[in-house]
Amino acid sequence: MVVLAGSGHVEQGWGIAERLKAFDPEGEVLSVVPWRGPAGLGPSVSDVFFYCPQFHKSRLGFSLEFLEQGAVVTEVEEGSKAFVAGVQKNDIILTAREMAVTDLWVLHKAAIKAKKENSPLEITVLRQGKGVILMIEMSTAGEDAKEDVDAGTP
């Protein structure tokens, strides 16, 4: 039997693999987990690894890939909020709302907070060896009205 699940359901022997062993202690389980790099993973994490870069396409209009040097912008959609704010391909996002962008969750939290406060998302990027501060507008009046209608709010 093959079960496809997110890595959180199999890492460290938790979740599905552990439950299968509880149901059938004699059964064999082979876990295959994505490795995002660059940190090494030990054999206790999984039986087999495959390389799967941490990649994200933001609703703000840019795509990121987490590499050794950090969160690298791989694409910016023309006309998007990121484009209007000046985000460029190959920018490395260092901070979002003064928090170091060490993973996607940090960027996500910063964007949510900026959206709730109806303030721009301040990011610092490394561009050609220099730090550049950019302000990404998080909402417009038309967008807020559409969200209210979509959510069923009068």
Protein backbone atom coordinates (compact mmCIF):
# COMPACT_ATOMS: atom_id res chain seq x y z
CA MET A 1 0.00 0.00 0.00
CA VAL A 2 1.22 3.53 -0.74
CA VAL A 3 0.10 6.49 1.35
CA LEU A 4 0.93 10.00 0.18
CA ALA A 5 0.92 12.60 2.94
CA GLY A 6 2.61 15.82 3.89
CA SER A 7 5.96 15.47 5.60
CA GLY A 8 4.51 16.57 8.95
CA HIS A 9 2.54 13.32 8.98
CA VAL A 10 5.64 11.13 8.71
CA GLU A 11 8.68 13.00 10.04
CA GLN A 12 10.46 11.65 13.08
CA GLY A 13 8.38 8.46 13.01
CA TRP A 14 5.25 10.33 14.09
CA GLY A 15 1.81 10.11 12.59
CA ILE A 16 1.00 7.61 9.88
CA ALA A 17 4.14 5.45 10.16
CA GLU A 18 3.76 5.11 13.92
CA ARG A 19 0.07 4.25 13.64
CA LEU A 20 0.70 1.64 10.96
CA LYS A 21 3.27 -0.02 13.23
CA ALA A 22 0.72 0.00 16.08
CA PHE A 23 -1.85 -1.76 13.88
CA ASP A 24 0.65 -4.26 12.46
CA PRO A 25 3.93 -4.52 14.39
CA GLU A 26 5.26 -7.00 11.81
CA GLY A 27 4.43 -4.73 8.86
CA GLU A 28 7.15 -2.85 7.02
CA VAL A 29 7.06 0.90 6.60
CA LEU A 30 9.32 2.83 4.26
CA SER A 31 9.13 6.58 4.76
CA VAL A 32 10.16 8.93 1.98
CA VAL A 33 10.48 12.55 3.13
CA PRO A 34 11.31 15.73 1.23
CA TRP A 35 14.65 17.26 2.13
CA ARG A 36 14.63 21.04 1.84
CA GLY A 37 18.33 21.53 2.60
CA PRO A 38 20.85 22.88 3.46
CA ALA A 39 20.92 21.29 6.94
CA GLY A 40 21.71 17.61 7.04
CA LEU A 41 19.11 15.12 8.20
CA GLY A 42 19.89 12.04 10.21
CA PRO A 43 18.61 8.52 9.58
CA SER A 44 16.11 8.82 12.45
CA VAL A 45 14.10 11.31 10.40
CA SER A 46 13.29 9.04 7.46
CA ASP A 47 14.39 6.00 5.52
CA VAL A 48 14.76 7.82 2.18
CA PHE A 49 14.94 11.50 1.18
CA PHE A 50 14.29 13.39 -2.04
CA TYR A 51 15.30 16.97 -2.71
CA CYS A 52 12.36 19.36 -2.74
CA PRO A 53 13.28 23.05 -2.62
CA GLN A 54 11.20 25.24 -0.35
CA PHE A 55 9.29 27.33 -2.87
CA HIS A 56 6.37 29.69 -2.41
CA LYS A 57 4.21 31.78 -4.74
CA SER A 58 2.89 34.71 -2.73
CA ARG A 59 -0.51 36.31 -3.24
CA LEU A 60 1.41 39.59 -3.16
CA GLY A 61 2.82 38.74 -6.59
CA PHE A 62 6.26 37.24 -6.10
CA SER A 63 7.71 33.75 -5.91
CA LEU A 64 10.41 32.73 -3.45
CA GLU A 65 12.81 29.87 -3.15
CA PHE A 66 14.71 29.29 0.08
CA LEU A 67 18.35 28.69 -0.75
CA GLU A 68 21.52 28.81 1.33
CA GLN A 69 21.67 32.60 0.97
CA GLY A 70 18.06 32.98 2.16
CA ALA A 71 14.64 33.77 0.65
CA VAL A 72 15.45 34.55 -2.98
CA VAL A 73 12.81 36.18 -5.19
CA THR A 74 12.62 34.04 -8.33
CA GLU A 75 9.79 35.87 -10.07
CA VAL A 76 7.71 39.05 -9.74
CA GLU A 77 4.32 39.32 -11.41
CA GLU A 78 4.00 42.54 -13.39
CA GLY A 79 1.38 44.88 -11.91
CA SER A 80 1.24 43.00 -8.58
CA LYS A 81 1.59 44.61 -5.15
CA ALA A 82 5.17 43.36 -4.96
CA PHE A 83 5.93 44.79 -8.41
CA VAL A 84 4.46 48.18 -7.48
CA ALA A 85 6.51 48.19 -4.24
CA GLY A 86 9.71 47.59 -6.24
CA VAL A 87 10.46 43.95 -5.44
CA GLN A 88 12.81 42.57 -8.10
CA LYS A 89 13.90 39.15 -9.25
CA ASN A 90 17.03 37.99 -7.33
CA ASP A 91 16.26 40.19 -4.31
CA ILE A 92 16.95 38.31 -1.08
CA ILE A 93 14.32 39.05 1.55
CA LEU A 94 16.14 39.57 4.83
CA THR A 95 13.41 40.88 7.12
CA ALA A 96 9.65 41.38 7.21
CA ARG A 97 8.40 43.83 9.83
CA GLU A 98 11.90 43.71 11.34
CA MET A 99 11.73 39.91 11.83
CA ALA A 100 14.47 37.86 10.17
CA VAL A 101 12.93 35.82 7.34
CA THR A 102 14.30 32.40 8.20
CA ASP A 103 11.34 30.51 6.73
CA LEU A 104 8.00 31.07 5.03
CA TRP A 105 6.12 31.17 8.31
CA VAL A 106 7.89 34.39 9.38
CA LEU A 107 6.90 36.12 6.14
CA HIS A 108 3.34 34.81 6.45
CA LYS A 109 2.98 36.07 10.06
CA ALA A 110 4.34 39.49 9.12
CA ALA A 111 1.94 39.81 6.19
CA ILE A 112 -1.06 38.79 8.30
CA LYS A 113 -0.16 41.32 10.98
CA ALA A 114 0.28 44.11 8.42
CA LYS A 115 -3.05 43.21 6.78
CA LYS A 116 -4.88 43.22 10.15
CA GLU A 117 -3.38 46.60 11.02
CA ASN A 118 -4.17 47.89 7.51
CA SER A 119 -0.56 48.98 7.16
CA PRO A 120 2.05 48.25 4.50
CA LEU A 121 4.29 45.22 4.87
CA GLU A 122 7.81 46.54 5.37
CA ILE A 123 10.48 44.23 4.01
CA THR A 124 14.23 44.64 3.76
CA VAL A 125 15.86 43.03 0.77
CA LEU A 126 19.47 42.54 -0.18
CA ARG A 127 19.97 43.82 -3.72
CA GLN A 128 23.42 43.94 -5.32
CA GLY A 129 25.09 43.92 -1.91
CA LYS A 130 22.96 46.73 -0.43
CA GLY A 131 20.00 46.67 1.92
CA VAL A 132 16.83 48.18 0.44
CA ILE A 133 13.63 48.82 2.43
CA LEU A 134 10.40 48.29 0.51
CA MET A 135 6.78 48.89 1.55
CA ILE A 136 4.17 46.52 0.09
CA GLU A 137 0.61 47.81 0.34
CA MET A 138 -1.53 45.07 1.84
CA SER A 139 -5.04 46.18 0.92
CA THR A 140 -7.12 48.58 -1.05
CA ALA A 141 -10.66 49.77 -0.38
CA GLY A 142 -12.00 47.67 -3.25
CA GLU A 143 -10.27 44.55 -1.96
CA ASP A 144 -11.61 44.99 1.56
CA ALA A 145 -15.16 45.40 0.24
CA LYS A 146 -14.78 42.26 -1.87
CA GLU A 147 -13.48 40.29 1.15
CA ASP A 148 -16.49 41.44 3.20
CA VAL A 149 -18.87 40.24 0.48
CA ASP A 150 -17.00 36.94 0.10
CA ALA A 151 -17.13 36.38 3.85
CA GLY A 152 -20.86 37.13 3.97
CA THR A 153 -20.31 40.30 6.00
CA PRO A 154 -22.82 43.07 5.22
